[in-house]
Structure formats: structure tokens, C-alpha cells
Amino acid sequence: MALDPTALFTISYGLYVLTSHDGQRDCGCIVNSVMQLTEKPLRVAVSVNKQNHTAQAIEKHGAFNLSVISEEGTMDLFRRFGFQSGRDVDKFAGYSEPVSDNGLRYLDKACCALISGKVEQVIDCGTHVLFIAEVTQADKFESRPPMTYSYYFANVKPKPQPKVEEKPKRGYVCRICGYFHEGDELPDDFVCPWCKHGPDDFEPVGF
């Protein structure tokens, strides 16, 4: 039987800003793989790409915050936390987001809830690391609906606007975030610099 990776796109995902501290400054990234594991004690699991600076910060700090993005989230929010690395920029510079009980920053605008976690287990899953954490704080802000991946693609992510006056470039575009890699070939080990997805999530353009 064929293995169609797009079948996984039918799984429902939410979108979250995952934040922690790297020992020098606050950091954060966009994640979509979060689930509740147990009720007593209340535990959650979060999957993060190993290459994300935030993942390495959580392994050292042992705690994190999850800000649940609402349908009010804009593309600027995703550019800020998803399309640049905390190794290169301070994503909180010039902002005044509040601090939760664990001392970490979280977002209270364009987000409908906060979940704080204290890491109990770290599981190596190859390209990603899975954090299993006890929930230490959980607050719901307003009854704004949380944003799903489907909503993001339909209403937030900009639609590509072809420029008719330019000759189309040949390359590969990421179906997840829209990153374009110019060239005739996409390496088997290529990782999207924006969303950290691999070659299976790229499709050819201009061929």
C-alpha cells in the first residue's frame, strides 16, 4: 500500500507560541503538536524540532509556557516567532509580554489561554524532541476560538501573488510556511529554515 504523507495533513492541529528561557534571554517558537496526556496529575506533551533554539532552552531550563493562539493571531505573530531564530534575534526585544508564575514570558494578546509546564521527561524522537510536563498553571483569557492549522492556511497565511512580468523561478516551495528554495534539486536532508519541515513537505514550482 502507498505511503501518502499528505494523509497526515487531515489530522487536526492547533497553533501555539512555546516560550522558555535560555539562561540569558527569553525565547519562543511556533509549535503545533501539543496534547493532554493525563488528568491526575494534569500532564501535557509538546513536540519540538531539535533545531529550534527554544527546544534546547527548555532542555536546560526544565520549564515552558504555551500560549494558545486565537483566531485573532496575525501573520506578524507567526513571522516574529516562526520565521526567525532565537539564536540570531531577541524575539521579545521591544515588547512587554507578561510573566507567569514560573517566571517565563507568555502572550496575552491574540491568545486565548496559557498553559505552564514543568518538564518531567524528555524523549528523543529523531528529528524532534518530546517534552512531557506536569501542568503548573493554566489560565483561560477570553472565549475566543483557538486557531487551527486549517484556519491559518485559509485566513492568515498570505496567498502567493505571481509576478507576470518576471520569468517564473524553478525551485521548491514549502507547503507549510511558503518558503521558496530556488534550484533544480532539493537535497534529501534539506530542512526548511522557517518551519523546520523536511523535503516531503515541499513541492516543485516552475518545472
N, C-alpha and C. Protein backbone atom coordinates (compact mmCIF):
# COMPACT_ATOMS: atom_id res chain seq x y z
N MET A 1 0.85 -1.19 0.00
CA MET A 1 0.00 0.00 0.00
C MET A 1 0.89 1.24 0.00
N ALA A 2 0.48 2.27 -0.74
CA ALA A 2 1.27 3.50 -0.85
C ALA A 2 1.30 4.26 0.47
N LEU A 3 2.37 5.01 0.66
CA LEU A 3 2.52 5.86 1.83
C LEU A 3 2.40 7.30 1.38
N ASP A 4 1.24 7.91 1.62
CA ASP A 4 0.97 9.28 1.19
C ASP A 4 1.11 10.21 2.39
N PRO A 5 2.22 10.97 2.48
CA PRO A 5 2.42 11.84 3.64
C PRO A 5 1.35 12.91 3.79
N THR A 6 0.65 13.26 2.71
CA THR A 6 -0.38 14.29 2.81
C THR A 6 -1.59 13.80 3.60
N ALA A 7 -1.70 12.48 3.80
CA ALA A 7 -2.79 11.96 4.63
C ALA A 7 -2.71 12.50 6.05
N LEU A 8 -1.49 12.80 6.49
CA LEU A 8 -1.31 13.33 7.84
C LEU A 8 -1.81 14.76 7.97
N PHE A 9 -1.98 15.43 6.82
CA PHE A 9 -2.48 16.80 6.86
C PHE A 9 -3.93 16.85 7.33
N THR A 10 -4.62 15.70 7.34
CA THR A 10 -6.01 15.68 7.78
C THR A 10 -6.13 15.66 9.30
N ILE A 11 -5.01 15.43 10.00
CA ILE A 11 -5.02 15.47 11.46
C ILE A 11 -5.21 16.91 11.92
N SER A 12 -6.10 17.11 12.88
CA SER A 12 -6.36 18.47 13.37
C SER A 12 -5.22 18.93 14.29
N TYR A 13 -4.77 20.15 14.06
CA TYR A 13 -3.70 20.74 14.86
C TYR A 13 -4.12 22.12 15.34
N GLY A 14 -3.65 22.48 16.53
CA GLY A 14 -3.75 23.86 16.98
C GLY A 14 -2.42 24.54 16.73
N LEU A 15 -2.34 25.81 17.08
CA LEU A 15 -1.09 26.57 16.93
C LEU A 15 -0.79 27.29 18.24
N TYR A 16 0.47 27.25 18.64
CA TYR A 16 0.87 27.72 19.96
C TYR A 16 2.20 28.47 19.88
N VAL A 17 2.39 29.41 20.79
CA VAL A 17 3.70 30.02 20.98
C VAL A 17 4.31 29.37 22.22
N LEU A 18 5.39 28.63 22.01
CA LEU A 18 6.08 27.94 23.09
C LEU A 18 7.25 28.80 23.56
N THR A 19 7.29 29.13 24.83
CA THR A 19 8.32 30.04 25.34
C THR A 19 9.09 29.41 26.50
N SER A 20 10.34 29.85 26.65
CA SER A 20 11.18 29.42 27.77
C SER A 20 12.28 30.46 27.95
N HIS A 21 13.38 30.06 28.59
CA HIS A 21 14.50 30.97 28.83
C HIS A 21 15.79 30.20 28.62
N ASP A 22 16.72 30.80 27.87
CA ASP A 22 17.96 30.09 27.52
C ASP A 22 19.12 30.38 28.47
N GLY A 23 18.81 31.04 29.58
CA GLY A 23 19.86 31.39 30.54
C GLY A 23 20.30 32.83 30.42
N GLN A 24 20.04 33.45 29.27
CA GLN A 24 20.40 34.85 29.06
C GLN A 24 19.19 35.71 28.68
N ARG A 25 18.27 35.12 27.89
CA ARG A 25 17.11 35.89 27.49
C ARG A 25 15.93 34.97 27.19
N ASP A 26 14.77 35.58 27.12
CA ASP A 26 13.55 34.84 26.79
C ASP A 26 13.57 34.42 25.33
N CYS A 27 12.97 33.28 25.04
CA CYS A 27 12.92 32.80 23.67
C CYS A 27 11.58 32.11 23.43
N GLY A 28 11.24 31.91 22.16
CA GLY A 28 9.97 31.28 21.85
C GLY A 28 9.90 30.88 20.39
N CYS A 29 9.00 29.94 20.08
CA CYS A 29 8.80 29.49 18.71
C CYS A 29 7.36 29.02 18.54
N ILE A 30 6.97 28.82 17.29
CA ILE A 30 5.64 28.32 16.97
C ILE A 30 5.67 26.80 16.95
N VAL A 31 4.71 26.16 17.61
CA VAL A 31 4.57 24.71 17.55
C VAL A 31 3.12 24.35 17.26
N ASN A 32 2.91 23.12 16.78
CA ASN A 32 1.54 22.68 16.50
C ASN A 32 1.21 21.33 17.11
N SER A 33 2.20 20.66 17.71
CA SER A 33 1.97 19.32 18.25
C SER A 33 1.92 19.36 19.77
N VAL A 34 0.73 19.52 20.30
CA VAL A 34 0.50 19.60 21.75
C VAL A 34 -0.70 18.73 22.09
N MET A 35 -0.61 17.99 23.18
CA MET A 35 -1.77 17.20 23.60
C MET A 35 -1.76 16.99 25.11
N GLN A 36 -2.97 16.84 25.68
CA GLN A 36 -3.10 16.47 27.08
C GLN A 36 -2.90 14.98 27.20
N LEU A 37 -2.08 14.55 28.17
CA LEU A 37 -1.79 13.14 28.37
C LEU A 37 -2.60 12.53 29.50
N THR A 38 -2.59 13.19 30.65
CA THR A 38 -3.29 12.67 31.83
C THR A 38 -4.05 13.79 32.53
N GLU A 39 -4.98 13.37 33.39
CA GLU A 39 -5.78 14.35 34.13
C GLU A 39 -5.30 14.53 35.56
N LYS A 40 -4.92 13.42 36.22
CA LYS A 40 -4.44 13.49 37.60
C LYS A 40 -3.17 12.68 37.72
N PRO A 41 -2.00 13.34 37.83
CA PRO A 41 -1.82 14.78 37.70
C PRO A 41 -2.01 15.23 36.25
N LEU A 42 -2.27 16.51 36.08
CA LEU A 42 -2.51 17.06 34.75
C LEU A 42 -1.17 17.17 34.01
N ARG A 43 -1.07 16.45 32.88
CA ARG A 43 0.16 16.45 32.11
C ARG A 43 -0.13 16.75 30.65
N VAL A 44 0.84 17.39 29.99
CA VAL A 44 0.76 17.64 28.55
C VAL A 44 2.05 17.16 27.89
N ALA A 45 1.98 16.96 26.58
CA ALA A 45 3.17 16.62 25.79
C ALA A 45 3.31 17.64 24.67
N VAL A 46 4.54 18.05 24.42
CA VAL A 46 4.84 19.03 23.38
C VAL A 46 5.99 18.50 22.53
N SER A 47 5.79 18.47 21.21
CA SER A 47 6.84 18.04 20.30
C SER A 47 7.46 19.26 19.62
N VAL A 48 8.81 19.32 19.63
CA VAL A 48 9.52 20.46 19.06
C VAL A 48 10.70 19.96 18.24
N ASN A 49 10.94 20.59 17.10
CA ASN A 49 12.10 20.24 16.29
C ASN A 49 13.37 20.52 17.08
N LYS A 50 14.31 19.57 17.03
CA LYS A 50 15.56 19.71 17.78
C LYS A 50 16.35 20.94 17.39
N GLN A 51 16.20 21.39 16.13
CA GLN A 51 16.99 22.53 15.67
C GLN A 51 16.47 23.85 16.22
N ASN A 52 15.29 23.85 16.78
CA ASN A 52 14.76 25.09 17.35
C ASN A 52 15.53 25.47 18.61
N HIS A 53 15.91 26.72 18.67
CA HIS A 53 16.63 27.22 19.84
C HIS A 53 15.80 27.03 21.11
N THR A 54 14.49 27.18 21.00
CA THR A 54 13.60 27.04 22.16
C THR A 54 13.64 25.63 22.73
N ALA A 55 13.75 24.63 21.88
CA ALA A 55 13.82 23.24 22.35
C ALA A 55 15.04 23.04 23.24
N GLN A 56 16.17 23.59 22.81
CA GLN A 56 17.39 23.45 23.59
C GLN A 56 17.31 24.23 24.90
N ALA A 57 16.60 25.37 24.85
CA ALA A 57 16.42 26.17 26.07
C ALA A 57 15.57 25.43 27.08
N ILE A 58 14.52 24.75 26.62
CA ILE A 58 13.65 24.02 27.53
C ILE A 58 14.40 22.86 28.19
N GLU A 59 15.25 22.17 27.42
CA GLU A 59 16.02 21.07 27.99
C GLU A 59 16.90 21.56 29.14
N LYS A 60 17.43 22.77 29.02
CA LYS A 60 18.29 23.33 30.08
C LYS A 60 17.47 23.89 31.23
N HIS A 61 16.38 24.62 30.89
CA HIS A 61 15.61 25.32 31.91
C HIS A 61 14.63 24.41 32.64
N GLY A 62 14.07 23.43 31.93
CA GLY A 62 13.17 22.49 32.55
C GLY A 62 11.73 22.95 32.69
N ALA A 63 11.39 24.05 32.05
CA ALA A 63 10.01 24.56 32.14
C ALA A 63 9.68 25.34 30.88
N PHE A 64 8.38 25.50 30.61
CA PHE A 64 7.95 26.25 29.43
C PHE A 64 6.56 26.80 29.64
N ASN A 65 6.19 27.71 28.76
CA ASN A 65 4.82 28.21 28.68
C ASN A 65 4.28 27.95 27.28
N LEU A 66 3.00 27.65 27.20
CA LEU A 66 2.30 27.52 25.94
C LEU A 66 1.21 28.58 25.89
N SER A 67 1.32 29.47 24.92
CA SER A 67 0.26 30.46 24.68
C SER A 67 -0.56 29.96 23.51
N VAL A 68 -1.84 29.70 23.74
CA VAL A 68 -2.71 29.14 22.71
C VAL A 68 -3.17 30.28 21.79
N ILE A 69 -2.71 30.26 20.55
CA ILE A 69 -3.03 31.33 19.60
C ILE A 69 -4.51 31.27 19.24
N SER A 70 -5.16 32.43 19.27
CA SER A 70 -6.57 32.51 18.90
C SER A 70 -6.70 32.91 17.43
N GLU A 71 -7.93 32.94 16.95
CA GLU A 71 -8.18 33.32 15.56
C GLU A 71 -7.89 34.80 15.30
N GLU A 72 -7.53 35.53 16.34
CA GLU A 72 -7.12 36.93 16.17
C GLU A 72 -5.64 37.05 15.82
N GLY A 73 -4.92 35.95 15.86
CA GLY A 73 -3.49 35.98 15.54
C GLY A 73 -3.25 36.44 14.11
N THR A 74 -2.23 37.25 13.92
CA THR A 74 -1.90 37.79 12.60
C THR A 74 -0.61 37.17 12.07
N MET A 75 -0.34 37.44 10.80
CA MET A 75 0.89 36.91 10.18
C MET A 75 2.13 37.49 10.86
N ASP A 76 2.03 38.70 11.40
CA ASP A 76 3.17 39.30 12.10
C ASP A 76 3.59 38.44 13.30
N LEU A 77 2.61 37.85 13.98
CA LEU A 77 2.91 36.97 15.11
C LEU A 77 3.70 35.75 14.65
N PHE A 78 3.29 35.17 13.52
CA PHE A 78 3.98 33.99 13.00
C PHE A 78 5.36 34.34 12.45
N ARG A 79 5.50 35.53 11.85
CA ARG A 79 6.82 35.95 11.37
C ARG A 79 7.77 36.13 12.56
N ARG A 80 7.26 36.72 13.61
CA ARG A 80 8.10 37.03 14.77
C ARG A 80 8.60 35.76 15.47
N PHE A 81 7.71 34.79 15.68
CA PHE A 81 8.09 33.60 16.43
C PHE A 81 8.40 32.39 15.57
N GLY A 82 8.02 32.42 14.28
CA GLY A 82 8.20 31.24 13.46
C GLY A 82 9.19 31.35 12.33
N PHE A 83 9.47 32.59 11.87
CA PHE A 83 10.29 32.74 10.68
C PHE A 83 11.67 33.31 10.97
N GLN A 84 12.11 33.25 12.22
CA GLN A 84 13.45 33.69 12.58
C GLN A 84 13.90 32.89 13.80
N SER A 85 15.20 32.83 14.01
CA SER A 85 15.74 32.01 15.09
C SER A 85 16.13 32.85 16.29
N GLY A 86 15.85 32.31 17.47
CA GLY A 86 16.24 32.98 18.71
C GLY A 86 17.74 33.02 18.91
N ARG A 87 18.48 32.25 18.11
CA ARG A 87 19.94 32.35 18.18
C ARG A 87 20.42 33.67 17.57
N ASP A 88 19.64 34.19 16.64
CA ASP A 88 20.06 35.38 15.91
C ASP A 88 19.40 36.67 16.41
N VAL A 89 18.18 36.57 16.91
CA VAL A 89 17.44 37.76 17.32
C VAL A 89 16.79 37.52 18.67
N ASP A 90 16.55 38.63 19.37
CA ASP A 90 15.78 38.60 20.62
C ASP A 90 14.32 38.84 20.25
N LYS A 91 13.52 37.79 20.26
CA LYS A 91 12.14 37.90 19.80
C LYS A 91 11.27 38.72 20.74
N PHE A 92 11.75 38.99 21.94
CA PHE A 92 10.98 39.79 22.89
C PHE A 92 11.47 41.23 23.01
N ALA A 93 12.49 41.58 22.24
CA ALA A 93 13.04 42.94 22.30
C ALA A 93 11.97 43.95 21.87
N GLY A 94 11.74 44.95 22.71
CA GLY A 94 10.77 45.99 22.39
C GLY A 94 9.34 45.63 22.72
N TYR A 95 9.12 44.44 23.30
CA TYR A 95 7.78 44.01 23.68
C TYR A 95 7.67 43.92 25.20
N SER A 96 6.44 43.88 25.69
CA SER A 96 6.24 43.87 27.15
C SER A 96 5.24 42.78 27.54
N GLU A 97 5.41 41.57 27.00
CA GLU A 97 4.54 40.48 27.39
C GLU A 97 4.68 40.17 28.87
N PRO A 98 3.60 39.72 29.51
CA PRO A 98 3.64 39.43 30.95
C PRO A 98 4.44 38.18 31.27
N VAL A 99 4.64 37.96 32.58
CA VAL A 99 5.38 36.81 33.09
C VAL A 99 4.44 35.96 33.93
N SER A 100 4.48 34.65 33.76
CA SER A 100 3.61 33.75 34.52
C SER A 100 4.27 33.38 35.85
N ASP A 101 3.62 32.50 36.60
CA ASP A 101 4.12 32.13 37.93
C ASP A 101 5.49 31.47 37.88
N ASN A 102 5.82 30.83 36.75
CA ASN A 102 7.12 30.16 36.65
C ASN A 102 8.24 31.09 36.19
N GLY A 103 7.93 32.38 36.04
CA GLY A 103 8.94 33.37 35.67
C GLY A 103 9.20 33.50 34.19
N LEU A 104 8.42 32.82 33.38
CA LEU A 104 8.61 32.85 31.93
C LEU A 104 7.57 33.73 31.26
N ARG A 105 7.95 34.28 30.12
CA ARG A 105 7.05 35.15 29.37
C ARG A 105 5.97 34.33 28.66
N TYR A 106 4.82 34.99 28.44
CA TYR A 106 3.75 34.39 27.65
C TYR A 106 3.01 35.51 26.93
N LEU A 107 2.15 35.14 26.00
CA LEU A 107 1.40 36.14 25.23
C LEU A 107 -0.04 36.19 25.71
N ASP A 108 -0.51 37.37 26.01
CA ASP A 108 -1.90 37.54 26.44
C ASP A 108 -2.74 38.25 25.38
N LYS A 109 -2.13 38.59 24.25
CA LYS A 109 -2.86 39.21 23.14
C LYS A 109 -2.87 38.23 21.96
N ALA A 110 -4.01 38.14 21.29
CA ALA A 110 -4.20 37.19 20.19
C ALA A 110 -4.00 35.75 20.65
N CYS A 111 -4.18 35.52 21.94
CA CYS A 111 -4.10 34.19 22.51
C CYS A 111 -5.26 34.00 23.47
N CYS A 112 -5.78 32.79 23.55
CA CYS A 112 -6.97 32.57 24.37
C CYS A 112 -6.69 31.79 25.66
N ALA A 113 -5.47 31.29 25.84
CA ALA A 113 -5.17 30.55 27.06
C ALA A 113 -3.66 30.44 27.27
N LEU A 114 -3.30 30.19 28.53
CA LEU A 114 -1.91 29.96 28.93
C LEU A 114 -1.82 28.61 29.62
N ILE A 115 -0.82 27.81 29.27
CA ILE A 115 -0.54 26.55 29.95
C ILE A 115 0.95 26.54 30.28
N SER A 116 1.27 26.43 31.57
CA SER A 116 2.66 26.34 32.01
C SER A 116 3.00 24.90 32.34
N GLY A 117 4.21 24.48 31.95
CA GLY A 117 4.60 23.10 32.19
C GLY A 117 5.97 22.97 32.83
N LYS A 118 6.09 22.01 33.76
CA LYS A 118 7.37 21.65 34.35
C LYS A 118 7.77 20.29 33.79
N VAL A 119 8.90 20.25 33.10
CA VAL A 119 9.29 19.06 32.36
C VAL A 119 9.60 17.89 33.30
N GLU A 120 8.98 16.73 33.00
CA GLU A 120 9.23 15.50 33.76
C GLU A 120 10.04 14.49 32.95
N GLN A 121 9.80 14.46 31.64
CA GLN A 121 10.52 13.53 30.77
C GLN A 121 10.88 14.22 29.46
N VAL A 122 12.02 13.83 28.91
CA VAL A 122 12.45 14.30 27.60
C VAL A 122 12.71 13.06 26.74
N ILE A 123 11.97 12.93 25.64
CA ILE A 123 12.09 11.74 24.79
C ILE A 123 12.63 12.16 23.43
N ASP A 124 13.72 11.53 23.03
CA ASP A 124 14.33 11.79 21.73
C ASP A 124 13.53 11.05 20.66
N CYS A 125 12.95 11.80 19.72
CA CYS A 125 12.14 11.21 18.65
C CYS A 125 12.78 11.39 17.28
N GLY A 126 14.09 11.45 17.23
CA GLY A 126 14.78 11.61 15.96
C GLY A 126 14.95 13.08 15.61
N THR A 127 14.15 13.57 14.68
CA THR A 127 14.25 14.98 14.29
C THR A 127 13.66 15.90 15.36
N HIS A 128 12.77 15.36 16.21
CA HIS A 128 12.08 16.16 17.22
C HIS A 128 12.37 15.62 18.62
N VAL A 129 12.09 16.45 19.59
CA VAL A 129 12.17 16.04 20.99
C VAL A 129 10.78 16.21 21.59
N LEU A 130 10.37 15.26 22.41
CA LEU A 130 9.06 15.29 23.05
C LEU A 130 9.22 15.61 24.52
N PHE A 131 8.61 16.71 24.95
CA PHE A 131 8.63 17.10 26.36
C PHE A 131 7.32 16.67 27.00
N ILE A 132 7.42 15.87 28.06
CA ILE A 132 6.25 15.52 28.86
C ILE A 132 6.35 16.30 30.16
N ALA A 133 5.30 17.07 30.45
CA ALA A 133 5.39 18.02 31.56
C ALA A 133 4.13 18.03 32.40
N GLU A 134 4.32 18.27 33.69
CA GLU A 134 3.19 18.49 34.60
C GLU A 134 2.74 19.94 34.46
N VAL A 135 1.45 20.15 34.35
CA VAL A 135 0.90 21.50 34.23
C VAL A 135 0.94 22.18 35.60
N THR A 136 1.60 23.31 35.67
CA THR A 136 1.73 24.05 36.93
C THR A 136 0.83 25.28 36.98
N GLN A 137 0.35 25.72 35.83
CA GLN A 137 -0.56 26.87 35.76
C GLN A 137 -1.35 26.76 34.47
N ALA A 138 -2.64 27.09 34.55
CA ALA A 138 -3.49 27.09 33.37
C ALA A 138 -4.53 28.18 33.53
N ASP A 139 -4.53 29.11 32.58
CA ASP A 139 -5.45 30.25 32.63
C ASP A 139 -6.12 30.41 31.28
N LYS A 140 -7.42 30.66 31.31
CA LYS A 140 -8.15 30.96 30.09
C LYS A 140 -8.47 32.44 30.10
N PHE A 141 -8.18 33.12 28.97
CA PHE A 141 -8.36 34.56 28.92
C PHE A 141 -9.77 34.93 28.51
N GLU A 142 -10.09 34.78 27.27
CA GLU A 142 -11.43 35.08 26.78
C GLU A 142 -11.93 33.89 25.97
N SER A 143 -13.20 33.89 25.63
CA SER A 143 -13.78 32.76 24.89
C SER A 143 -13.57 32.92 23.38
N ARG A 144 -12.38 33.38 23.00
CA ARG A 144 -12.04 33.47 21.59
C ARG A 144 -11.63 32.10 21.09
N PRO A 145 -12.10 31.67 19.92
CA PRO A 145 -11.75 30.33 19.46
C PRO A 145 -10.27 30.19 19.17
N PRO A 146 -9.68 29.05 19.53
CA PRO A 146 -8.27 28.82 19.20
C PRO A 146 -8.08 28.64 17.70
N MET A 147 -6.91 29.03 17.22
CA MET A 147 -6.62 28.92 15.79
C MET A 147 -6.16 27.50 15.46
N THR A 148 -6.71 26.96 14.39
CA THR A 148 -6.26 25.67 13.88
C THR A 148 -5.34 25.90 12.69
N TYR A 149 -4.62 24.83 12.32
CA TYR A 149 -3.76 24.90 11.14
C TYR A 149 -4.59 25.23 9.89
N SER A 150 -5.78 24.62 9.80
CA SER A 150 -6.65 24.87 8.65
C SER A 150 -7.05 26.33 8.56
N TYR A 151 -7.37 26.93 9.73
CA TYR A 151 -7.74 28.34 9.75
C TYR A 151 -6.56 29.21 9.33
N TYR A 152 -5.37 28.84 9.79
CA TYR A 152 -4.16 29.59 9.43
C TYR A 152 -3.95 29.61 7.92
N PHE A 153 -4.06 28.45 7.29
CA PHE A 153 -3.84 28.37 5.85
C PHE A 153 -4.93 29.11 5.07
N ALA A 154 -6.17 29.06 5.58
CA ALA A 154 -7.28 29.65 4.84
C ALA A 154 -7.39 31.16 5.05
N ASN A 155 -6.98 31.67 6.22
CA ASN A 155 -7.29 33.06 6.56
C ASN A 155 -6.10 33.93 6.95
N VAL A 156 -4.96 33.32 7.28
CA VAL A 156 -3.83 34.11 7.79
C VAL A 156 -2.64 34.08 6.84
N LYS A 157 -2.24 32.89 6.43
CA LYS A 157 -1.06 32.75 5.56
C LYS A 157 -1.31 33.45 4.23
N PRO A 158 -0.42 34.36 3.82
CA PRO A 158 -0.60 35.09 2.55
C PRO A 158 -0.61 34.14 1.36
N LYS A 159 -1.49 34.43 0.42
CA LYS A 159 -1.54 33.65 -0.81
C LYS A 159 -0.46 34.15 -1.77
N PRO A 160 0.26 33.26 -2.42
CA PRO A 160 1.31 33.70 -3.36
C PRO A 160 0.73 34.53 -4.49
N GLN A 161 1.41 35.64 -4.80
CA GLN A 161 0.98 36.53 -5.87
C GLN A 161 2.02 36.50 -6.99
N PRO A 162 1.76 35.75 -8.04
CA PRO A 162 2.74 35.66 -9.13
C PRO A 162 2.95 36.99 -9.84
N LYS A 163 4.19 37.28 -10.19
CA LYS A 163 4.52 38.49 -10.93
C LYS A 163 4.64 38.14 -12.40
N VAL A 164 3.68 38.57 -13.18
CA VAL A 164 3.62 38.17 -14.58
C VAL A 164 4.78 38.74 -15.40
N GLU A 165 5.37 39.84 -14.91
CA GLU A 165 6.43 40.46 -15.69
C GLU A 165 7.76 39.74 -15.51
N GLU A 166 7.84 38.84 -14.53
CA GLU A 166 9.07 38.12 -14.28
C GLU A 166 8.96 36.68 -14.75
N LYS A 167 10.05 36.12 -15.22
CA LYS A 167 10.08 34.72 -15.61
C LYS A 167 10.00 33.88 -14.34
N PRO A 168 9.09 32.90 -14.29
CA PRO A 168 8.95 32.07 -13.10
C PRO A 168 10.26 31.37 -12.74
N LYS A 169 10.58 31.36 -11.47
CA LYS A 169 11.78 30.70 -11.00
C LYS A 169 11.50 29.22 -10.76
N ARG A 170 12.51 28.40 -10.99
CA ARG A 170 12.39 26.97 -10.73
C ARG A 170 12.89 26.68 -9.33
N GLY A 171 12.15 25.87 -8.62
CA GLY A 171 12.56 25.53 -7.28
C GLY A 171 11.50 24.72 -6.56
N TYR A 172 11.52 24.82 -5.25
CA TYR A 172 10.60 24.06 -4.41
C TYR A 172 10.03 24.97 -3.34
N VAL A 173 8.71 24.87 -3.12
CA VAL A 173 8.05 25.71 -2.13
C VAL A 173 7.51 24.84 -1.01
N CYS A 174 7.68 25.31 0.22
CA CYS A 174 7.19 24.58 1.39
C CYS A 174 5.68 24.74 1.51
N ARG A 175 4.97 23.62 1.58
CA ARG A 175 3.52 23.67 1.71
C ARG A 175 3.09 24.17 3.07
N ILE A 176 3.99 24.14 4.06
CA ILE A 176 3.63 24.53 5.41
C ILE A 176 3.70 26.03 5.62
N CYS A 177 4.85 26.64 5.23
CA CYS A 177 5.04 28.06 5.54
C CYS A 177 5.25 28.93 4.30
N GLY A 178 5.43 28.32 3.11
CA GLY A 178 5.60 29.11 1.90
C GLY A 178 7.03 29.44 1.54
N TYR A 179 8.01 28.95 2.30
CA TYR A 179 9.41 29.22 1.98
C TYR A 179 9.76 28.67 0.60
N PHE A 180 10.51 29.45 -0.20
CA PHE A 180 10.88 29.03 -1.55
C PHE A 180 12.37 28.76 -1.61
N HIS A 181 12.72 27.55 -2.07
CA HIS A 181 14.11 27.17 -2.27
C HIS A 181 14.37 27.11 -3.77
N GLU A 182 15.20 28.02 -4.27
CA GLU A 182 15.46 28.08 -5.70
C GLU A 182 16.50 27.05 -6.10
N GLY A 183 16.26 26.37 -7.22
CA GLY A 183 17.20 25.38 -7.72
C GLY A 183 16.49 24.18 -8.32
N ASP A 184 17.23 23.41 -9.09
CA ASP A 184 16.65 22.26 -9.77
C ASP A 184 16.51 21.04 -8.87
N GLU A 185 17.25 21.00 -7.77
CA GLU A 185 17.20 19.85 -6.89
C GLU A 185 17.02 20.30 -5.44
N LEU A 186 16.34 19.46 -4.67
CA LEU A 186 16.17 19.67 -3.24
C LEU A 186 16.86 18.52 -2.51
N PRO A 187 17.90 18.81 -1.73
CA PRO A 187 18.64 17.73 -1.06
C PRO A 187 17.73 16.87 -0.18
N ASP A 188 18.04 15.59 -0.08
CA ASP A 188 17.23 14.66 0.72
C ASP A 188 17.19 15.05 2.19
N ASP A 189 18.25 15.72 2.66
CA ASP A 189 18.30 16.10 4.08
C ASP A 189 17.96 17.57 4.29
N PHE A 190 17.31 18.19 3.29
CA PHE A 190 17.00 19.62 3.39
C PHE A 190 16.00 19.86 4.51
N VAL A 191 16.22 20.93 5.28
CA VAL A 191 15.30 21.34 6.35
C VAL A 191 14.90 22.78 6.11
N CYS A 192 13.61 23.05 6.08
CA CYS A 192 13.12 24.41 5.85
C CYS A 192 13.65 25.35 6.93
N PRO A 193 14.30 26.44 6.57
CA PRO A 193 14.85 27.35 7.58
C PRO A 193 13.78 28.12 8.35
N TRP A 194 12.55 28.13 7.83
CA TRP A 194 11.47 28.83 8.52
C TRP A 194 10.70 27.93 9.48
N CYS A 195 10.16 26.82 8.96
CA CYS A 195 9.27 25.99 9.79
C CYS A 195 9.90 24.66 10.19
N LYS A 196 11.12 24.36 9.68
CA LYS A 196 11.89 23.17 10.05
C LYS A 196 11.31 21.86 9.51
N HIS A 197 10.43 21.93 8.51
CA HIS A 197 9.92 20.72 7.89
C HIS A 197 10.89 20.24 6.81
N GLY A 198 10.78 18.94 6.47
CA GLY A 198 11.71 18.33 5.53
C GLY A 198 11.21 18.29 4.11
N PRO A 199 11.93 17.59 3.23
CA PRO A 199 11.61 17.56 1.78
C PRO A 199 10.21 17.07 1.45
N ASP A 200 9.63 16.19 2.29
CA ASP A 200 8.30 15.66 2.00
C ASP A 200 7.23 16.75 1.96
N ASP A 201 7.51 17.89 2.59
CA ASP A 201 6.53 18.98 2.62
C ASP A 201 6.80 20.06 1.59
N PHE A 202 7.70 19.76 0.63
CA PHE A 202 7.99 20.71 -0.46
C PHE A 202 7.41 20.19 -1.76
N GLU A 203 6.99 21.12 -2.63
CA GLU A 203 6.51 20.74 -3.94
C GLU A 203 7.20 21.58 -5.01
N PRO A 204 7.46 20.99 -6.19
CA PRO A 204 8.20 21.69 -7.24
C PRO A 204 7.39 22.83 -7.84
N VAL A 205 8.09 23.89 -8.23
CA VAL A 205 7.46 25.07 -8.85
C VAL A 205 8.29 25.48 -10.06
N GLY A 206 7.64 25.74 -11.17
CA GLY A 206 8.32 26.27 -12.34
C GLY A 206 8.97 25.24 -13.23
N PHE A 207 8.76 23.96 -12.98
CA PHE A 207 9.37 22.92 -13.82
C PHE A 207 8.48 22.59 -15.00
